[in-house]
C-alpha atoms as a PDB file:
ATOM      1  CA  MET A   1     104.726  96.342 106.981  1.00  0.00           C
ATOM      2  CA  ASN A   2     102.500  98.607 103.555  1.00  0.00           C
ATOM      3  CA  ILE A   3     107.302  95.917 110.291  1.00  0.00           C
ATOM      4  CA  PHE A   4     110.330  98.011 109.249  1.00  0.00           C
ATOM      5  CA  LYS A   5     106.643  96.912 107.369  1.00  0.00           C
ATOM      6  CA  ILE A   6     109.151  98.561 110.615  1.00  0.00           C
ATOM      7  CA  LEU A   7     110.540  98.028 109.340  1.00  0.00           C
ATOM      8  CA  SER A   8     106.566  96.346 105.598  1.00  0.00           C
ATOM      9  CA  LYS A   9     103.369  93.832 107.382  1.00  0.00           C
ATOM     10  CA  MET A  10     107.521  95.908 110.061  1.00  0.00           C
ATOM     11  CA  ARG A  11     104.470  98.179 106.490  1.00  0.00           C
ATOM     12  CA  ILE A  12     107.668  95.808 110.144  1.00  0.00           C
ATOM     13  CA  LEU A  13     107.704  95.494 108.758  1.00  0.00           C
ATOM     14  CA  LEU A  14     107.860  97.784 109.031  1.00  0.00           C
ATOM     15  CA  LEU A  15     104.339  97.149 104.141  1.00  0.00           C
ATOM     16  CA  GLY A  16     103.224  99.243 106.219  1.00  0.00           C
ATOM     17  CA  PHE A  17     103.986 102.432 107.844  1.00  0.00           C
ATOM     18  CA  ARG A  18     100.567 103.509 106.732  1.00  0.00           C
ATOM     19  CA  LEU A  19      98.143 104.753 109.522  1.00  0.00           C
ATOM     20  CA  ILE A  20      95.740 107.293 110.924  1.00  0.00           C
ATOM     21  CA  MET A  21      93.499 107.154 113.880  1.00  0.00           C
ATOM     22  CA  PHE A  22      90.623 104.738 113.040  1.00  0.00           C
ATOM     23  CA  PRO A  23      87.655 107.293 113.585  1.00  0.00           C
ATOM     24  CA  VAL A  24      89.235 109.799 111.459  1.00  0.00           C
ATOM     25  CA  MET A  25      89.826 107.330 108.821  1.00  0.00           C
ATOM     26  CA  LEU A  26      86.344 106.051 108.786  1.00  0.00           C
ATOM     27  CA  VAL A  27      84.863 109.601 108.526  1.00  0.00           C
ATOM     28  CA  GLY A  28      87.218 110.454 105.711  1.00  0.00           C
ATOM     29  CA  ALA A  29      86.507 107.145 103.892  1.00  0.00           C
ATOM     30  CA  GLN A  30      82.705 107.792 104.069  1.00  0.00           C
ATOM     31  CA  ALA A  31      83.063 111.303 102.543  1.00  0.00           C
ATOM     32  CA  ALA A  32      85.034 109.835  99.667  1.00  0.00           C
ATOM     33  CA  PHE A  33      82.516 106.932  99.055  1.00  0.00           C
ATOM     34  CA  ALA A  34      81.157 108.579  95.797  1.00  0.00           C
ATOM     35  CA  GLN A  35      84.381 109.348  94.256  1.00  0.00           C
ATOM     36  CA  SER A  36      85.430 107.900  91.017  1.00  0.00           C
ATOM     37  CA  ILE A  37      87.600 104.661  91.044  1.00  0.00           C
ATOM     38  CA  PRO A  38      91.296 105.460  90.577  1.00  0.00           C
ATOM     39  CA  SER A  39      93.917 103.283  88.786  1.00  0.00           C
ATOM     40  CA  VAL A  40      95.700 100.843  90.957  1.00  0.00           C
ATOM     41  CA  GLN A  41      98.989 102.539  90.066  1.00  0.00           C
ATOM     42  CA  GLU A  42      97.620 105.756  91.468  1.00  0.00           C
ATOM     43  CA  ILE A  43      97.044 104.020  94.841  1.00  0.00           C
ATOM     44  CA  ILE A  44     100.425 102.403  94.696  1.00  0.00           C
ATOM     45  CA  ASP A  45     102.226 105.659  93.887  1.00  0.00           C
ATOM     46  CA  TYR A  46     100.198 107.735  96.509  1.00  0.00           C
ATOM     47  CA  ALA A  47     101.209 105.154  99.317  1.00  0.00           C
ATOM     48  CA  ASP A  48     104.815 105.124  98.323  1.00  0.00           C
ATOM     49  CA  THR A  49     104.880 108.910  98.307  1.00  0.00           C
ATOM     50  CA  HIS A  50     102.891 109.617 101.438  1.00  0.00           C
ATOM     51  CA  TYR A  51     103.406 106.781 103.790  1.00  0.00           C
ATOM     52  CA  GLU A  52     107.037 105.940 103.217  1.00  0.00           C
ATOM     53  CA  VAL A  53     109.542 106.144 106.177  1.00  0.00           C
ATOM     54  CA  ARG A  54     111.757 108.889 105.326  1.00  0.00           C
ATOM     55  CA  SER A  55     114.297 108.864 108.256  1.00  0.00           C
ATOM     56  CA  ASP A  56     116.131 106.490 110.468  1.00  0.00           C
ATOM     57  CA  MET A  57     113.978 104.762 113.078  1.00  0.00           C
ATOM     58  CA  THR A  58     114.029 103.085 116.448  1.00  0.00           C
ATOM     59  CA  ALA A  59     111.003 101.149 117.968  1.00  0.00           C
ATOM     60  CA  GLN A  60     110.144  98.433 120.344  1.00  0.00           C
ATOM     61  CA  ALA A  61     108.323  95.536 118.989  1.00  0.00           C
ATOM     62  CA  ARG A  62     106.391  92.596 120.467  1.00  0.00           C
ATOM     63  CA  ILE A  63     105.399  89.552 118.458  1.00  0.00           C
ATOM     64  CA  THR A  64     102.819  87.309 120.002  1.00  0.00           C
ATOM     65  CA  SER A  65     102.608  84.053 118.331  1.00  0.00           C
ATOM     66  CA  LYS A  66      99.745  81.330 118.759  1.00  0.00           C
ATOM     67  CA  ASP A  67     100.072  78.034 117.662  1.00  0.00           C
ATOM     68  CA  VAL A  68      97.723  75.061 118.091  1.00  0.00           C
ATOM     69  CA  GLU A  69     100.500  72.552 119.248  1.00  0.00           C
ATOM     70  CA  GLN A  70     102.997  75.027 120.792  1.00  0.00           C
ATOM     71  CA  GLY A  71     100.630  77.429 122.407  1.00  0.00           C
ATOM     72  CA  THR A  72     101.446  81.058 122.892  1.00  0.00           C
ATOM     73  CA  LYS A  73     104.840  82.607 122.472  1.00  0.00           C
ATOM     74  CA  ILE A  74     105.843  86.214 123.132  1.00  0.00           C
ATOM     75  CA  ILE A  75     108.873  87.758 121.603  1.00  0.00           C
ATOM     76  CA  GLU A  76     110.188  91.113 122.585  1.00  0.00           C
ATOM     77  CA  SER A  77     112.573  93.019 120.410  1.00  0.00           C
ATOM     78  CA  VAL A  78     114.303  96.350 119.440  1.00  0.00           C
ATOM     79  CA  LEU A  79     114.070  97.513 115.844  1.00  0.00           C
ATOM     80  CA  TYR A  80     116.393  99.877 114.063  1.00  0.00           C
ATOM     81  CA  ARG A  81     116.292 101.252 110.612  1.00  0.00           C
ATOM     82  CA  ARG A  82     118.763 103.358 108.583  1.00  0.00           C
ATOM     83  CA  ASP A  83     117.076 105.376 105.910  1.00  0.00           C
ATOM     84  CA  ARG A  84     119.910 106.120 103.395  1.00  0.00           C
ATOM     85  CA  ASP A  85     120.088 102.358 102.387  1.00  0.00           C
ATOM     86  CA  ASP A  86     116.971 100.882 104.042  1.00  0.00           C
ATOM     87  CA  ALA A  87     119.217  98.732 106.205  1.00  0.00           C
ATOM     88  CA  PHE A  88     117.406  97.366 109.540  1.00  0.00           C
ATOM     89  CA  LEU A  89     118.390  95.445 112.574  1.00  0.00           C
ATOM     90  CA  ILE A  90     116.279  93.434 115.011  1.00  0.00           C
ATOM     91  CA  VAL A  91     117.681  92.533 118.218  1.00  0.00           C
ATOM     92  CA  LEU A  92     115.632  89.949 120.264  1.00  0.00           C
ATOM     93  CA  SER A  93     115.343  90.677 124.108  1.00  0.00           C
ATOM     94  CA  SER A  94     113.015  87.973 125.264  1.00  0.00           C
ATOM     95  CA  PRO A  95     112.291  85.246 125.978  1.00  0.00           C
ATOM     96  CA  GLU A  96     115.569  84.248 127.552  1.00  0.00           C
ATOM     97  CA  THR A  97     116.086  81.485 124.888  1.00  0.00           C
ATOM     98  CA  GLU A  98     116.125  84.064 122.236  1.00  0.00           C
ATOM     99  CA  ARG A  99     117.810  86.934 123.901  1.00  0.00           C
ATOM    100  CA  GLY A 100     120.731  88.234 121.884  1.00  0.00           C
ATOM    101  CA  ASN A 101     119.739  86.693 118.749  1.00  0.00           C
ATOM    102  CA  GLY A 102     119.192  89.122 115.869  1.00  0.00           C
ATOM    103  CA  TYR A 103     118.391  89.782 112.178  1.00  0.00           C
ATOM    104  CA  LEU A 104     120.477  92.234 110.106  1.00  0.00           C
ATOM    105  CA  ARG A 105     119.656  93.360 106.630  1.00  0.00           C
ATOM    106  CA  VAL A 106     122.330  95.577 104.773  1.00  0.00           C
ATOM    107  CA  GLU A 107     121.838  96.221 100.961  1.00  0.00           C
ATOM    108  CA  ASP A 108     120.749  92.782  99.428  1.00  0.00           C
ATOM    109  CA  ASN A 109     122.081  90.669 102.305  1.00  0.00           C
ATOM    110  CA  MET A 110     120.169  89.347 105.188  1.00  0.00           C
ATOM    111  CA  TRP A 111     121.530  87.441 108.100  1.00  0.00           C
ATOM    112  CA  MET A 112     120.363  85.611 111.096  1.00  0.00           C
ATOM    113  CA  TYR A 113     122.663  85.810 114.189  1.00  0.00           C
ATOM    114  CA  LYS A 114     122.556  83.096 116.908  1.00  0.00           C
ATOM    115  CA  ARG A 115     123.977  84.248 120.213  1.00  0.00           C
ATOM    116  CA  ASN A 116     124.758  80.646 121.643  1.00  0.00           C
ATOM    117  CA  THR A 117     127.005  79.739 118.614  1.00  0.00           C
ATOM    118  CA  ARG A 118     127.994  83.487 117.825  1.00  0.00           C
ATOM    119  CA  THR A 119     127.361  82.502 114.094  1.00  0.00           C
ATOM    120  CA  PHE A 120     125.840  84.268 111.286  1.00  0.00           C
ATOM    121  CA  THR A 121     123.510  82.490 108.543  1.00  0.00           C
ATOM    122  CA  HIS A 122     122.625  84.115 105.332  1.00  0.00           C
ATOM    123  CA  ILE A 123     118.731  83.944 105.147  1.00  0.00           C
ATOM    124  CA  GLY A 124     115.985  84.744 102.737  1.00  0.00           C
ATOM    125  CA  ARG A 125     113.121  87.145 103.357  1.00  0.00           C
ATOM    126  CA  ASP A 126     110.865  84.271 104.273  1.00  0.00           C
ATOM    127  CA  GLU A 127     112.907  83.271 107.364  1.00  0.00           C
ATOM    128  CA  LYS A 128     110.615  83.282 110.471  1.00  0.00           C
ATOM    129  CA  ILE A 129     111.631  85.554 113.284  1.00  0.00           C
ATOM    130  CA  GLY A 130     112.307  83.524 116.563  1.00  0.00           C
ATOM    131  CA  GLY A 131     109.774  80.826 115.469  1.00  0.00           C
ATOM    132  CA  SER A 132     106.885  83.310 115.037  1.00  0.00           C
ATOM    133  CA  ASN A 133     104.753  83.640 112.043  1.00  0.00           C
ATOM    134  CA  THR A 134     106.373  87.043 111.291  1.00  0.00           C
ATOM    135  CA  SER A 135     109.050  86.822 108.756  1.00  0.00           C
ATOM    136  CA  ALA A 136     112.241  88.896 108.130  1.00  0.00           C
ATOM    137  CA  GLY A 137     110.801  90.197 104.939  1.00  0.00           C
ATOM    138  CA  ASP A 138     107.792  91.607 106.723  1.00  0.00           C
ATOM    139  CA  ILE A 139     110.063  94.213 108.387  1.00  0.00           C
ATOM    140  CA  GLU A 140     111.472  95.724 105.091  1.00  0.00           C
ATOM    141  CA  THR A 141     110.198  99.148 103.732  1.00  0.00           C
ATOM    142  CA  ARG A 142     111.121  99.013 100.020  1.00  0.00           C
ATOM    143  CA  LYS A 143     108.983 101.060  97.771  1.00  0.00           C
ATOM    144  CA  PHE A 144     105.760  98.989  96.924  1.00  0.00           C
ATOM    145  CA  LYS A 145     105.983 100.114  93.363  1.00  0.00           C
ATOM    146  CA  GLU A 146     109.586  98.380  93.130  1.00  0.00           C
ATOM    147  CA  LEU A 147     107.972  95.083  94.236  1.00  0.00           C
ATOM    148  CA  TYR A 148     104.453  94.912  92.767  1.00  0.00           C
ATOM    149  CA  LYS A 149     102.405  96.009  89.709  1.00  0.00           C
ATOM    150  CA  PRO A 150      98.742  96.324  89.037  1.00  0.00           C
ATOM    151  CA  ALA A 151      97.034  92.955  88.067  1.00  0.00           C
ATOM    152  CA  VAL A 152      94.831  93.244  84.990  1.00  0.00           C
ATOM    153  CA  ASP A 153      91.837  91.147  83.670  1.00  0.00           C
ATOM    154  CA  ALA A 154      91.369  89.585  80.254  1.00  0.00           C
ATOM    155  CA  ALA A 155      90.453  93.049  78.922  1.00  0.00           C
ATOM    156  CA  GLY A 156      93.647  94.699  80.128  1.00  0.00           C
ATOM    157  CA  LYS A 157      91.817  96.588  82.945  1.00  0.00           C
ATOM    158  CA  ASP A 158      92.897  97.072  86.495  1.00  0.00           C
ATOM    159  CA  LYS A 159      91.539  94.545  88.894  1.00  0.00           C
ATOM    160  CA  ILE A 160      90.005  97.011  91.392  1.00  0.00           C
ATOM    161  CA  THR A 161      86.458  97.261  92.799  1.00  0.00           C
ATOM    162  CA  ALA A 162      84.552  99.509  95.248  1.00  0.00           C
ATOM    163  CA  GLU A 163      83.423  97.652  98.286  1.00  0.00           C
ATOM    164  CA  THR A 164      82.747  97.980 102.077  1.00  0.00           C
ATOM    165  CA  ILE A 165      84.530  95.995 104.791  1.00  0.00           C
ATOM    166  CA  GLY A 166      83.768  95.038 108.388  1.00  0.00           C
ATOM    167  CA  SER A 167      80.577  95.490 110.568  1.00  0.00           C
ATOM    168  CA  ALA A 168      81.072  99.333 110.369  1.00  0.00           C
ATOM    169  CA  LYS A 169      80.744  99.111 106.485  1.00  0.00           C
ATOM    170  CA  ILE A 170      83.909 101.172 105.822  1.00  0.00           C
ATOM    171  CA  PRO A 171      84.148 102.055 102.096  1.00  0.00           C
ATOM    172  CA  VAL A 172      87.282 100.554 100.500  1.00  0.00           C
ATOM    173  CA  TYR A 173      88.748  99.630  97.230  1.00  0.00           C
ATOM    174  CA  LYS A 174      89.588  95.997  96.788  1.00  0.00           C
ATOM    175  CA  VAL A 175      92.861  95.849  94.735  1.00  0.00           C
ATOM    176  CA  GLU A 176      94.909  93.148  93.191  1.00  0.00           C
ATOM    177  CA  VAL A 177      98.589  93.213  92.439  1.00  0.00           C
ATOM    178  CA  THR A 178     101.308  90.924  91.127  1.00  0.00           C
ATOM    179  CA  ALA A 179     104.980  90.705  91.803  1.00  0.00           C
ATOM    180  CA  LYS A 180     107.462  92.495  89.509  1.00  0.00           C
ATOM    181  CA  VAL A 181     110.488  90.916  91.149  1.00  0.00           C
ATOM    182  CA  ASN A 182     111.207  87.278  92.291  1.00  0.00           C
ATOM    183  CA  ASP A 183     112.558  88.182  95.821  1.00  0.00           C
ATOM    184  CA  VAL A 184     108.996  88.749  97.419  1.00  0.00           C
ATOM    185  CA  LYS A 185     107.369  86.735  99.960  1.00  0.00           C
ATOM    186  CA  TYR A 186     104.129  86.351  97.862  1.00  0.00           C
ATOM    187  CA  PRO A 187     103.658  86.894  94.205  1.00  0.00           C
ATOM    188  CA  LYS A 188     100.030  88.001  94.414  1.00  0.00           C
ATOM    189  CA  LEU A 189      98.315  90.188  96.794  1.00  0.00           C
ATOM    190  CA  ILE A 190      94.743  91.255  97.213  1.00  0.00           C
ATOM    191  CA  MET A 191      94.275  94.342  99.399  1.00  0.00           C
ATOM    192  CA  TRP A 192      91.467  96.332 100.855  1.00  0.00           C
ATOM    193  CA  VAL A 193      92.354  99.959 101.306  1.00  0.00           C
ATOM    194  CA  THR A 194      90.377 103.010 102.516  1.00  0.00           C
ATOM    195  CA  ARG A 195      88.939 105.336  99.633  1.00  0.00           C
ATOM    196  CA  ASP A 196      90.241 108.570 101.062  1.00  0.00           C
ATOM    197  CA  LYS A 197      93.865 107.851 102.263  1.00  0.00           C
ATOM    198  CA  TYR A 198      94.545 104.433 100.752  1.00  0.00           C
ATOM    199  CA  LEU A 199      95.337 102.989 104.059  1.00  0.00           C
ATOM    200  CA  GLU A 200      95.386  99.264 103.962  1.00  0.00           C
ATOM    201  CA  LEU A 201      93.048  97.471 106.200  1.00  0.00           C
ATOM    202  CA  LYS A 202      93.249  93.794 105.036  1.00  0.00           C
ATOM    203  CA  ARG A 203      95.551  91.787 102.801  1.00  0.00           C
ATOM    204  CA  GLU A 204      95.294  88.183 101.336  1.00  0.00           C
ATOM    205  CA  CYS A 205      98.618  86.777 100.248  1.00  0.00           C
ATOM    206  CA  TYR A 206      98.809  84.174  97.530  1.00  0.00           C
ATOM    207  CA  SER A 207     101.334  81.701  96.196  1.00  0.00           C
ATOM    208  CA  LEU A 208     102.262  81.455  92.459  1.00  0.00           C
ATOM    209  CA  SER A 209      99.658  78.588  92.082  1.00  0.00           C
ATOM    210  CA  GLY A 210      96.842  80.762  93.530  1.00  0.00           C
ATOM    211  CA  THR A 211      96.790  79.255  97.037  1.00  0.00           C
ATOM    212  CA  LEU A 212      95.708  81.634  99.836  1.00  0.00           C
ATOM    213  CA  MET A 213      98.817  81.390 102.086  1.00  0.00           C
ATOM    214  CA  GLU A 214      98.101  84.184 104.594  1.00  0.00           C
ATOM    215  CA  THR A 215      95.553  86.801 105.632  1.00  0.00           C
ATOM    216  CA  ASP A 216      96.620  90.077 107.407  1.00  0.00           C
ATOM    217  CA  TYR A 217      94.870  92.680 109.198  1.00  0.00           C
ATOM    218  CA  PHE A 218      95.988  96.336 109.958  1.00  0.00           C
ATOM    219  CA  THR A 219      94.346  98.086 112.862  1.00  0.00           C
ATOM    220  CA  ASN A 220      94.974 100.611 115.666  1.00  0.00           C
ATOM    221  CA  TYR A 221      96.394 103.172 113.265  1.00  0.00           C
ATOM    222  CA  LYS A 222      98.108 106.284 114.362  1.00  0.00           C
ATOM    223  CA  GLU A 223      99.761 109.389 112.909  1.00  0.00           C
ATOM    224  CA  ILE A 224     103.199 110.161 114.333  1.00  0.00           C
ATOM    225  CA  ASP A 225     105.261 113.218 113.388  1.00  0.00           C
ATOM    226  CA  GLY A 226     103.422 113.534 110.278  1.00  0.00           C
ATOM    227  CA  ARG A 227     103.950 109.905 109.186  1.00  0.00           C
ATOM    228  CA  TYR A 228     101.501 107.157 109.065  1.00  0.00           C
ATOM    229  CA  VAL A 229     102.844 104.188 110.989  1.00  0.00           C
ATOM    230  CA  PRO A 230     101.057 100.818 111.721  1.00  0.00           C
ATOM    231  CA  LEU A 231     101.175 100.003 115.408  1.00  0.00           C
ATOM    232  CA  LEU A 232      99.368  96.697 115.099  1.00  0.00           C
ATOM    233  CA  GLN A 233      99.240  94.021 112.516  1.00  0.00           C
ATOM    234  CA  LYS A 234      97.866  90.587 112.686  1.00  0.00           C
ATOM    235  CA  PHE A 235      99.004  87.749 110.512  1.00  0.00           C
ATOM    236  CA  ILE A 236      96.923  84.596 109.960  1.00  0.00           C
ATOM    237  CA  ASP A 237      98.489  81.556 108.543  1.00  0.00           C
ATOM    238  CA  GLU A 238      96.025  79.988 106.119  1.00  0.00           C
ATOM    239  CA  ILE A 239      97.901  76.758 105.621  1.00  0.00           C
ATOM    240  CA  ASP A 240      98.906  75.971 109.257  1.00  0.00           C
ATOM    241  CA  LYS A 241      95.389  76.521 110.527  1.00  0.00           C
ATOM    242  CA  GLY A 242      95.344  78.076 114.007  1.00  0.00           C
ATOM    243  CA  SER A 243      98.713  79.712 113.605  1.00  0.00           C
ATOM    244  CA  VAL A 244      98.399  83.510 114.265  1.00  0.00           C
ATOM    245  CA  SER A 245     100.883  86.215 115.007  1.00  0.00           C
ATOM    246  CA  VAL A 246     100.170  89.789 116.255  1.00  0.00           C
ATOM    247  CA  PHE A 247     103.048  92.343 115.670  1.00  0.00           C
ATOM    248  CA  GLU A 248     102.810  95.537 117.891  1.00  0.00           C
ATOM    249  CA  ILE A 249     105.184  98.620 117.784  1.00  0.00           C
ATOM    250  CA  THR A 250     105.605 101.075 120.638  1.00  0.00           C
ATOM    251  CA  GLY A 251     108.093 103.704 121.531  1.00  0.00           C
ATOM    252  CA  ILE A 252     108.855 104.901 117.968  1.00  0.00           C
ATOM    253  CA  SER A 253     111.573 107.581 117.458  1.00  0.00           C
ATOM    254  CA  PHE A 254     112.829 109.033 114.136  1.00  0.00           C
ATOM    255  CA  GLU A 255     116.136 110.149 115.575  1.00  0.00           C
ATOM    256  CA  LYS A 256     119.250 109.296 113.638  1.00  0.00           C
ATOM    257  CA  VAL A 257     120.626 105.640 114.405  1.00  0.00           C
ATOM    258  CA  ASP A 258     124.281 105.184 114.749  1.00  0.00           C
ATOM    259  CA  ASP A 259     126.040 103.468 111.850  1.00  0.00           C
ATOM    260  CA  TYR A 260     127.844 101.076 113.998  1.00  0.00           C
ATOM    261  CA  LYS A 261     124.513  99.291 114.755  1.00  0.00           C
ATOM    262  CA  PHE A 262     124.280  98.060 111.274  1.00  0.00           C
ATOM    263  CA  ASP A 263     127.321  95.878 111.576  1.00  0.00           C
ATOM    264  CA  LYS A 264     127.822  92.296 112.497  1.00  0.00           C
ATOM    265  CA  LYS A 265     130.256  93.354 115.257  1.00  0.00           C
ATOM    266  CA  TYR A 266     127.413  95.112 117.039  1.00  0.00           C
ATOM    267  CA  LEU A 267     125.420  92.050 117.420  1.00  0.00           C
ATOM    268  CA  GLU A 268     128.535  90.085 118.379  1.00  0.00           C
ATOM    269  CA  SER A 269     129.287  92.696 121.142  1.00  0.00           C
ATOM    270  CA  LEU A 270     125.854  91.949 122.634  1.00  0.00           C
ATOM    271  CA  SER A 271     126.813  88.351 123.382  1.00  0.00           C
ATOM    272  CA  LYS A 272     129.825  89.389 125.549  1.00  0.00           C
END
């Protein structure tokens, strides 16, 4: 969200913006099947260089959250990203109970705004958006190499293997990485990326103790203005069984976003 991963899963959020049309991806991956296995750092560097968002961005986002007890909830929002400092803003537009609420990140600060009380609360990256299974951290687009490093085995070798995935038997690399910093949502990730473009298809997210916390899927890929942007991401909560969130992005624009939108006053003005 590679939402956003927008804004990295908004990669959403934005971890993230790493896409191409699926049939093209499949053909390219098959052609690369016999290639020698790269290092994990090569994959990380390639993704950061070729798939990063390099401009401001505006998009419409929908989060469909399914819960065994609470049923299905759909959240509509508008996403804004400012490139020069990776600031982002999420403004919720529906349902009515969430309309006007927002999430703002500028530098190292992230706030949640509540329209009814007109108050800002300083939050962490694991804060859920509107009660969904998508978190504020999923929307960031920080460089992956700043957050994670290759995991190595007892012999000091990268944890990477060549496999296939899905009924279509898509050739992929299974890659394991560990966190370099403390402020990431999950300290360990196992990812399945295509062998040609290193596009992420699946991700398993683990806690520090090694517990599988979440499984993510990345589908419906598309290239937009020369950039690879994930249009659909699915997050499955492995602890709260039955909890699933689907994150969809539409109406993407890379036009400049006015600076005044990345200010608390803008969110407050929407409540008037």
